Structure formats: C-alpha cells, structure tokens
C-alpha atoms as a PDB file:
ATOM      1  CA  MET A   1      -7.678  46.958 -20.882  1.00  0.00           C
ATOM      2  CA  ALA A   2     -10.865  45.220 -19.663  1.00  0.00           C
ATOM      3  CA  GLN A   3     -10.614  41.961 -17.752  1.00  0.00           C
ATOM      4  CA  LEU A   4     -12.333  38.996 -19.417  1.00  0.00           C
ATOM      5  CA  GLY A   5     -13.961  37.276 -16.423  1.00  0.00           C
ATOM      6  CA  ALA A   6     -12.940  36.583 -12.841  1.00  0.00           C
ATOM      7  CA  PRO A   7      -9.461  35.217 -12.159  1.00  0.00           C
ATOM      8  CA  SER A   8      -9.204  31.487 -11.557  1.00  0.00           C
ATOM      9  CA  THR A   9      -8.816  30.350  -7.949  1.00  0.00           C
ATOM     10  CA  THR A  10      -7.405  26.939  -8.983  1.00  0.00           C
ATOM     11  CA  ALA A  11      -3.631  26.600  -8.928  1.00  0.00           C
ATOM     12  CA  LYS A  12      -1.942  25.754 -12.219  1.00  0.00           C
ATOM     13  CA  MET A  13      -1.156  22.072 -12.619  1.00  0.00           C
ATOM     14  CA  ALA A  14       1.257  20.315 -14.982  1.00  0.00           C
ATOM     15  CA  CYS A  15       0.464  16.965 -16.576  1.00  0.00           C
ATOM     16  CA  PRO A  16       2.287  14.066 -14.852  1.00  0.00           C
ATOM     17  CA  ASN A  17       3.253  12.651 -18.256  1.00  0.00           C
ATOM     18  CA  LEU A  18       6.705  14.074 -19.030  1.00  0.00           C
ATOM     19  CA  LYS A  19       5.990  13.926 -22.783  1.00  0.00           C
ATOM     20  CA  HIS A  20       3.185  16.448 -22.275  1.00  0.00           C
ATOM     21  CA  MET A  21       5.312  19.243 -20.804  1.00  0.00           C
ATOM     22  CA  GLY A  22       3.880  22.647 -21.670  1.00  0.00           C
ATOM     23  CA  SER A  23       0.460  21.203 -22.543  1.00  0.00           C
ATOM     24  CA  LEU A  24      -2.831  22.987 -21.862  1.00  0.00           C
ATOM     25  CA  VAL A  25      -4.217  21.704 -18.546  1.00  0.00           C
ATOM     26  CA  LYS A  26      -7.640  22.771 -17.282  1.00  0.00           C
ATOM     27  CA  SER A  27      -9.523  21.877 -14.133  1.00  0.00           C
ATOM     28  CA  ALA A  28     -12.499  19.539 -14.600  1.00  0.00           C
ATOM     29  CA  GLY A  29     -14.075  19.801 -11.139  1.00  0.00           C
ATOM     30  CA  THR A  30     -13.624  18.059  -7.822  1.00  0.00           C
ATOM     31  CA  ARG A  31     -15.049  14.822  -6.452  1.00  0.00           C
ATOM     32  CA  THR A  32     -15.018  12.966  -3.150  1.00  0.00           C
ATOM     33  CA  THR A  33     -13.893   9.334  -2.995  1.00  0.00           C
ATOM     34  CA  LYS A  34     -13.053   6.901  -0.194  1.00  0.00           C
ATOM     35  CA  ALA A  35      -9.393   7.893  -0.542  1.00  0.00           C
ATOM     36  CA  GLY A  36     -10.191  11.600  -0.082  1.00  0.00           C
ATOM     37  CA  GLN A  37     -11.117  14.639  -2.128  1.00  0.00           C
ATOM     38  CA  ARG A  38      -9.703  14.728  -5.658  1.00  0.00           C
ATOM     39  CA  ARG A  39      -9.502  17.389  -8.330  1.00  0.00           C
ATOM     40  CA  ASP A  40      -9.781  16.232 -11.933  1.00  0.00           C
ATOM     41  CA  TYR A  41      -7.814  17.839 -14.746  1.00  0.00           C
ATOM     42  CA  ARG A  42      -8.058  17.615 -18.511  1.00  0.00           C
ATOM     43  CA  CYS A  43      -4.811  17.689 -20.515  1.00  0.00           C
ATOM     44  CA  ARG A  44      -4.617  18.644 -24.190  1.00  0.00           C
ATOM     45  CA  ALA A  45      -1.096  18.067 -25.501  1.00  0.00           C
ATOM     46  CA  VAL A  46      -0.141  18.800 -29.103  1.00  0.00           C
ATOM     47  CA  GLY A  47       0.259  15.535 -30.999  1.00  0.00           C
ATOM     48  CA  PHE A  48      -1.399  13.401 -28.298  1.00  0.00           C
ATOM     49  CA  GLU A  49      -4.943  12.338 -27.482  1.00  0.00           C
ATOM     50  CA  PRO A  50      -6.654  14.421 -24.770  1.00  0.00           C
ATOM     51  CA  HIS A  51      -6.784  12.638 -21.426  1.00  0.00           C
ATOM     52  CA  LYS A  52      -7.759  13.217 -17.804  1.00  0.00           C
ATOM     53  CA  PHE A  53      -5.827  12.822 -14.555  1.00  0.00           C
ATOM     54  CA  SER A  54      -6.624  13.529 -10.923  1.00  0.00           C
ATOM     55  CA  VAL A  55      -4.754  14.882  -7.903  1.00  0.00           C
ATOM     56  CA  VAL A  56      -5.562  14.219  -4.240  1.00  0.00           C
ATOM     57  CA  ILE A  57      -6.175  17.539  -2.502  1.00  0.00           C
ATOM     58  CA  ASP A  58      -7.547  16.362   0.857  1.00  0.00           C
ATOM     59  CA  VAL A  59      -7.128  13.099   2.781  1.00  0.00           C
ATOM     60  CA  PRO A  60      -9.591  11.998   5.486  1.00  0.00           C
ATOM     61  CA  ASP A  61      -8.251  11.671   9.030  1.00  0.00           C
ATOM     62  CA  GLU A  62      -8.581   7.900   9.072  1.00  0.00           C
ATOM     63  CA  PRO A  63      -6.431   5.035   7.799  1.00  0.00           C
ATOM     64  CA  VAL A  64      -6.863   4.270   4.098  1.00  0.00           C
ATOM     65  CA  ALA A  65      -6.521   0.698   2.872  1.00  0.00           C
ATOM     66  CA  VAL A  66      -3.480   0.246   0.676  1.00  0.00           C
ATOM     67  CA  ARG A  67      -3.642  -2.398  -2.007  1.00  0.00           C
ATOM     68  CA  GLY A  68      -0.286  -4.047  -2.531  1.00  0.00           C
ATOM     69  CA  VAL A  69       0.986  -6.276  -5.289  1.00  0.00           C
ATOM     70  CA  PRO A  70      -0.536  -9.779  -5.033  1.00  0.00           C
ATOM     71  CA  PRO A  71       1.880 -12.587  -4.156  1.00  0.00           C
ATOM     72  CA  ARG A  72       3.229 -14.990  -6.745  1.00  0.00           C
ATOM     73  CA  CYS A  73       1.609 -18.339  -7.224  1.00  0.00           C
ATOM     74  CA  PRO A  74       3.706 -21.084  -5.574  1.00  0.00           C
ATOM     75  CA  VAL A  75       3.137 -23.319  -8.638  1.00  0.00           C
ATOM     76  CA  HIS A  76       3.278 -20.956 -11.635  1.00  0.00           C
ATOM     77  CA  ALA A  77       5.336 -18.059 -10.215  1.00  0.00           C
ATOM     78  CA  SER A  78       4.993 -15.027 -12.518  1.00  0.00           C
ATOM     79  CA  ALA A  79       3.577 -16.982 -15.480  1.00  0.00           C
ATOM     80  CA  ALA A  80       0.007 -16.380 -14.317  1.00  0.00           C
ATOM     81  CA  THR A  81      -2.566 -13.707 -13.582  1.00  0.00           C
ATOM     82  CA  ILE A  82      -3.242 -13.378  -9.850  1.00  0.00           C
ATOM     83  CA  SER A  83      -6.347 -11.731  -8.406  1.00  0.00           C
ATOM     84  CA  ARG A  84      -7.910 -11.492  -4.950  1.00  0.00           C
ATOM     85  CA  TRP A  85     -10.682 -14.033  -4.405  1.00  0.00           C
ATOM     86  CA  GLY A  86     -12.302 -13.416  -1.038  1.00  0.00           C
ATOM     87  CA  SER A  87     -11.162 -14.210   2.481  1.00  0.00           C
ATOM     88  CA  TYR A  88     -11.993 -16.788   5.086  1.00  0.00           C
ATOM     89  CA  GLY A  89     -11.466 -17.394   8.784  1.00  0.00           C
ATOM     90  CA  ALA A  90     -13.280 -16.859  12.060  1.00  0.00           C
ATOM     91  CA  LEU A  91     -14.168 -13.232  12.739  1.00  0.00           C
ATOM     92  CA  ALA A  92     -14.167 -13.923  16.476  1.00  0.00           C
ATOM     93  CA  ASP A  93     -10.483 -14.865  16.354  1.00  0.00           C
ATOM     94  CA  GLY A  94      -9.601 -11.709  14.442  1.00  0.00           C
ATOM     95  CA  VAL A  95      -7.627 -13.699  11.854  1.00  0.00           C
ATOM     96  CA  ARG A  96      -8.767 -13.500   8.249  1.00  0.00           C
ATOM     97  CA  ARG A  97      -6.838 -15.232   5.472  1.00  0.00           C
ATOM     98  CA  GLN A  98      -6.817 -13.830   1.940  1.00  0.00           C
ATOM     99  CA  ARG A  99      -7.480 -16.281  -0.892  1.00  0.00           C
ATOM    100  CA  TYR A 100      -6.098 -15.691  -4.404  1.00  0.00           C
ATOM    101  CA  ARG A 101      -7.162 -16.917  -7.823  1.00  0.00           C
ATOM    102  CA  CYS A 102      -4.428 -17.988 -10.259  1.00  0.00           C
ATOM    103  CA  GLU A 103      -5.022 -18.224 -14.001  1.00  0.00           C
ATOM    104  CA  PRO A 104      -1.942 -19.626 -15.792  1.00  0.00           C
ATOM    105  CA  THR A 105      -0.950 -17.900 -19.016  1.00  0.00           C
ATOM    106  CA  GLU A 106       0.018 -21.154 -20.767  1.00  0.00           C
ATOM    107  CA  PRO A 107      -2.921 -23.153 -22.227  1.00  0.00           C
ATOM    108  CA  ALA A 108      -1.211 -26.422 -21.303  1.00  0.00           C
ATOM    109  CA  GLU A 109      -1.092 -25.374 -17.651  1.00  0.00           C
ATOM    110  CA  ARG A 110      -4.750 -24.277 -17.670  1.00  0.00           C
ATOM    111  CA  ALA A 111      -5.706 -27.739 -18.977  1.00  0.00           C
ATOM    112  CA  HIS A 112      -4.572 -29.286 -15.667  1.00  0.00           C
ATOM    113  CA  TYR A 113      -7.550 -27.684 -13.884  1.00  0.00           C
ATOM    114  CA  PRO A 114     -11.259 -28.336 -14.648  1.00  0.00           C
ATOM    115  CA  THR A 115     -12.102 -24.614 -14.754  1.00  0.00           C
ATOM    116  CA  GLY A 116      -8.722 -23.456 -16.050  1.00  0.00           C
ATOM    117  CA  VAL A 117      -7.861 -21.754 -12.746  1.00  0.00           C
ATOM    118  CA  HIS A 118      -6.891 -22.743  -9.230  1.00  0.00           C
ATOM    119  CA  PHE A 119      -6.889 -21.029  -5.849  1.00  0.00           C
ATOM    120  CA  PHE A 120      -4.204 -20.686  -3.201  1.00  0.00           C
ATOM    121  CA  THR A 121      -3.559 -18.995   0.123  1.00  0.00           C
ATOM    122  CA  PRO A 122      -0.048 -17.715   0.864  1.00  0.00           C
ATOM    123  CA  PRO A 123       1.505 -19.014   4.094  1.00  0.00           C
ATOM    124  CA  LEU A 124       1.610 -16.761   7.138  1.00  0.00           C
ATOM    125  CA  PRO A 125       5.017 -15.286   8.014  1.00  0.00           C
ATOM    126  CA  ARG A 126       4.893 -17.048  11.381  1.00  0.00           C
ATOM    127  CA  GLU A 127       5.026 -20.371   9.502  1.00  0.00           C
ATOM    128  CA  HIS A 128       8.525 -19.471   8.276  1.00  0.00           C
ATOM    129  CA  VAL A 129       9.988 -18.913  11.771  1.00  0.00           C
ATOM    130  CA  HIS A 130      12.764 -21.342  12.678  1.00  0.00           C
ATOM    131  CA  PHE A 131      14.312 -21.377  16.132  1.00  0.00           C
ATOM    132  CA  GLY A 132      18.054 -21.765  16.572  1.00  0.00           C
ATOM    133  CA  GLY A 133      18.805 -21.519  12.872  1.00  0.00           C
ATOM    134  CA  SER A 134      20.903 -18.375  13.066  1.00  0.00           C
ATOM    135  CA  HIS A 135      22.163 -15.804  15.530  1.00  0.00           C
ATOM    136  CA  CYS A 136      22.294 -12.041  14.984  1.00  0.00           C
ATOM    137  CA  GLU A 137      25.349 -10.403  16.514  1.00  0.00           C
ATOM    138  CA  ASP A 138      23.933  -6.914  15.922  1.00  0.00           C
ATOM    139  CA  CYS A 139      21.031  -7.640  18.285  1.00  0.00           C
ATOM    140  CA  GLY A 140      23.425  -8.019  21.224  1.00  0.00           C
ATOM    141  CA  GLU A 141      25.424  -4.902  20.448  1.00  0.00           C
ATOM    142  CA  ARG A 142      25.507  -2.245  23.166  1.00  0.00           C
ATOM    143  CA  LEU A 143      24.554   1.183  21.860  1.00  0.00           C
ATOM    144  CA  GLY A 144      26.142   4.442  22.968  1.00  0.00           C
ATOM    145  CA  VAL A 145      24.045   6.945  24.873  1.00  0.00           C
ATOM    146  CA  HIS A 146      24.094   9.375  21.930  1.00  0.00           C
ATOM    147  CA  ARG A 147      23.018   6.919  19.253  1.00  0.00           C
ATOM    148  CA  GLY A 148      19.379   6.517  20.202  1.00  0.00           C
ATOM    149  CA  ASP A 149      16.977   3.860  18.954  1.00  0.00           C
ATOM    150  CA  LEU A 150      17.621   2.169  15.630  1.00  0.00           C
ATOM    151  CA  VAL A 151      14.842   2.240  13.032  1.00  0.00           C
ATOM    152  CA  VAL A 152      13.939  -0.712  10.831  1.00  0.00           C
ATOM    153  CA  ALA A 153      14.571   1.108   7.529  1.00  0.00           C
ATOM    154  CA  ARG A 154      15.689   4.472   6.265  1.00  0.00           C
ATOM    155  CA  THR A 155      12.162   5.671   5.436  1.00  0.00           C
ATOM    156  CA  GLN A 156      10.470   4.167   8.521  1.00  0.00           C
ATOM    157  CA  THR A 157       9.831   5.726  11.920  1.00  0.00           C
ATOM    158  CA  TRP A 158       9.219   2.484  13.838  1.00  0.00           C
ATOM    159  CA  ASN A 159      12.187   1.603  16.020  1.00  0.00           C
ATOM    160  CA  LEU A 160      13.868  -1.774  15.825  1.00  0.00           C
ATOM    161  CA  ARG A 161      12.898  -2.839  19.345  1.00  0.00           C
ATOM    162  CA  ILE A 162       9.143  -2.406  18.738  1.00  0.00           C
ATOM    163  CA  VAL A 163       9.296  -4.240  15.400  1.00  0.00           C
ATOM    164  CA  ALA A 164      11.311  -7.123  16.887  1.00  0.00           C
ATOM    165  CA  GLN A 165       8.876  -7.491  19.788  1.00  0.00           C
ATOM    166  CA  GLY A 166       5.946  -7.348  17.361  1.00  0.00           C
ATOM    167  CA  LEU A 167       7.414 -10.107  15.198  1.00  0.00           C
ATOM    168  CA  PHE A 168       8.069 -12.134  18.341  1.00  0.00           C
ATOM    169  CA  ARG A 169       4.394 -11.805  19.338  1.00  0.00           C
ATOM    170  CA  VAL A 170       3.201 -12.766  15.840  1.00  0.00           C
ATOM    171  CA  ALA A 171       5.522 -15.792  15.825  1.00  0.00           C
ATOM    172  CA  PHE A 172       3.876 -17.028  19.012  1.00  0.00           C
ATOM    173  CA  GLY A 173       0.380 -16.839  17.554  1.00  0.00           C
ATOM    174  CA  GLU A 174      -1.018 -13.403  18.389  1.00  0.00           C
ATOM    175  CA  PRO A 175      -3.246 -11.976  15.617  1.00  0.00           C
ATOM    176  CA  TYR A 176      -1.744  -9.301  13.384  1.00  0.00           C
ATOM    177  CA  GLY A 177      -4.428  -6.789  14.355  1.00  0.00           C
ATOM    178  CA  ALA A 178      -3.758  -7.247  18.084  1.00  0.00           C
ATOM    179  CA  VAL A 179      -0.008  -6.787  17.578  1.00  0.00           C
ATOM    180  CA  GLY A 180      -0.632  -3.652  15.523  1.00  0.00           C
ATOM    181  CA  ARG A 181      -2.846  -2.172  18.229  1.00  0.00           C
ATOM    182  CA  TRP A 182      -0.210  -3.037  20.832  1.00  0.00           C
ATOM    183  CA  ALA A 183       2.478  -1.214  18.821  1.00  0.00           C
ATOM    184  CA  TRP A 184       0.307   1.906  18.498  1.00  0.00           C
ATOM    185  CA  GLU A 185      -0.461   1.940  22.227  1.00  0.00           C
ATOM    186  CA  VAL A 186       3.139   1.337  23.353  1.00  0.00           C
ATOM    187  CA  THR A 187       4.524   4.122  21.181  1.00  0.00           C
ATOM    188  CA  GLY A 188       1.696   6.517  22.090  1.00  0.00           C
ATOM    189  CA  ARG A 189       0.781   7.164  18.458  1.00  0.00           C
ATOM    190  CA  GLN A 190      -2.619   8.155  17.155  1.00  0.00           C
ATOM    191  CA  ARG A 191      -4.257   5.819  14.651  1.00  0.00           C
ATOM    192  CA  THR A 192      -4.855   8.610  12.164  1.00  0.00           C
ATOM    193  CA  ARG A 193      -2.544  10.096   9.612  1.00  0.00           C
ATOM    194  CA  PRO A 194      -2.327  13.843   8.973  1.00  0.00           C
ATOM    195  CA  ALA A 195      -3.820  15.191   5.784  1.00  0.00           C
ATOM    196  CA  LYS A 196      -1.339  15.815   3.004  1.00  0.00           C
ATOM    197  CA  LEU A 197      -2.337  18.625   0.709  1.00  0.00           C
ATOM    198  CA  SER A 198      -0.968  18.755  -2.799  1.00  0.00           C
ATOM    199  CA  ALA A 199       0.254  21.867  -4.558  1.00  0.00           C
ATOM    200  CA  ALA A 200      -3.208  22.145  -6.112  1.00  0.00           C
END
C-alpha cells in the first residue's frame, strides 16, 4: 500500500477542554513570544465550535514576569473591577509602587467619583509589621541533626531561615529587589530557570 505523504514529526496533542476528548487536533504552526516558543493547535470537536489553543514548547533561560491577581480595593472589596494603572517611585532608590484603578460595579458607588473611578496603592507588607505582638515558639525549637532545614511551604525550595532573614531585611527598609538578590547570592542559585519542555 502506498504511503500518502511524509509522516508528521509533530507529536499528537489532546485538547485541554475535557468535553472535547477524542476531537481532531491539528498543528497550526509555531510562534515565538516573550514567554517562549509556542505551538498552536486547532481543535475540531463534534458538536462544538472549532477553536485554537497553544502549548509552550521552549522557555527562554531568563526570568519571565508572572502576572498575579490584582489586590482587592480597600473601599469596594470584590464589588469592583481592578486593573493596573502605572507605577511611581524613584528609580534610583529601586522602589517602585504599583498603582491600581478601581471601577465600582454599582452605579451609586461610581457616582461618588467625578470620573466614575478612583485609584489606590496597596500598602507595603513592611507597613503591617508589629513588634512584640506575638511570639513564635517554633522559631526557638532545636532541630535534630537528621532533620535538615525547614522549607517555607510544601512546594517551595527556599528554606525557612533565608525567608525569615529576608522578611527581616524588608521590614527594616531594604528594597525588595536588593533582598531578592541577597537571597540568590547567599544560596548560590543562578538567576535563570531551566527550560521546561512539554510533551509536544
């Protein structure tokens, strides 16, 4: 039996939508973004509209900015739409503060402001530090020789001592960037993350 074309060199990929299991998925090329190299796929599931999705196949050897969930507004809590609205602060000091724009969902709340929105800056964690308010008995516990260093969380690799010293430095006014560089240097880590290749 004659072969109809060259075999595909792209690994088979399943659609991430669980409702589309067994759908026809075809590669739609690769592209390079700031987050790394991505491969696009086109999914055609029976009974659903065709759609595209992408998979990261190569990550650059440099830190990638991670966008977290914006903080809640101190006035309207979750009853508002929060978006990033620039930053301010002296570049020479290495401290930049992020400003946020809050648009309340209730029309009555929007009427309190001339433009219908207001701006806020969340407080720095060092502003929440209180001395003498509590005492941690676990901090003074003597560890056995076989226990090793404690980590700050189950999925973290930073040990508790480095994190505690870093928070201590931040509480006394050192910039976040300087404390981060100190932690990398003390632990002897490289400021790059290894590339994670997907199954594709």
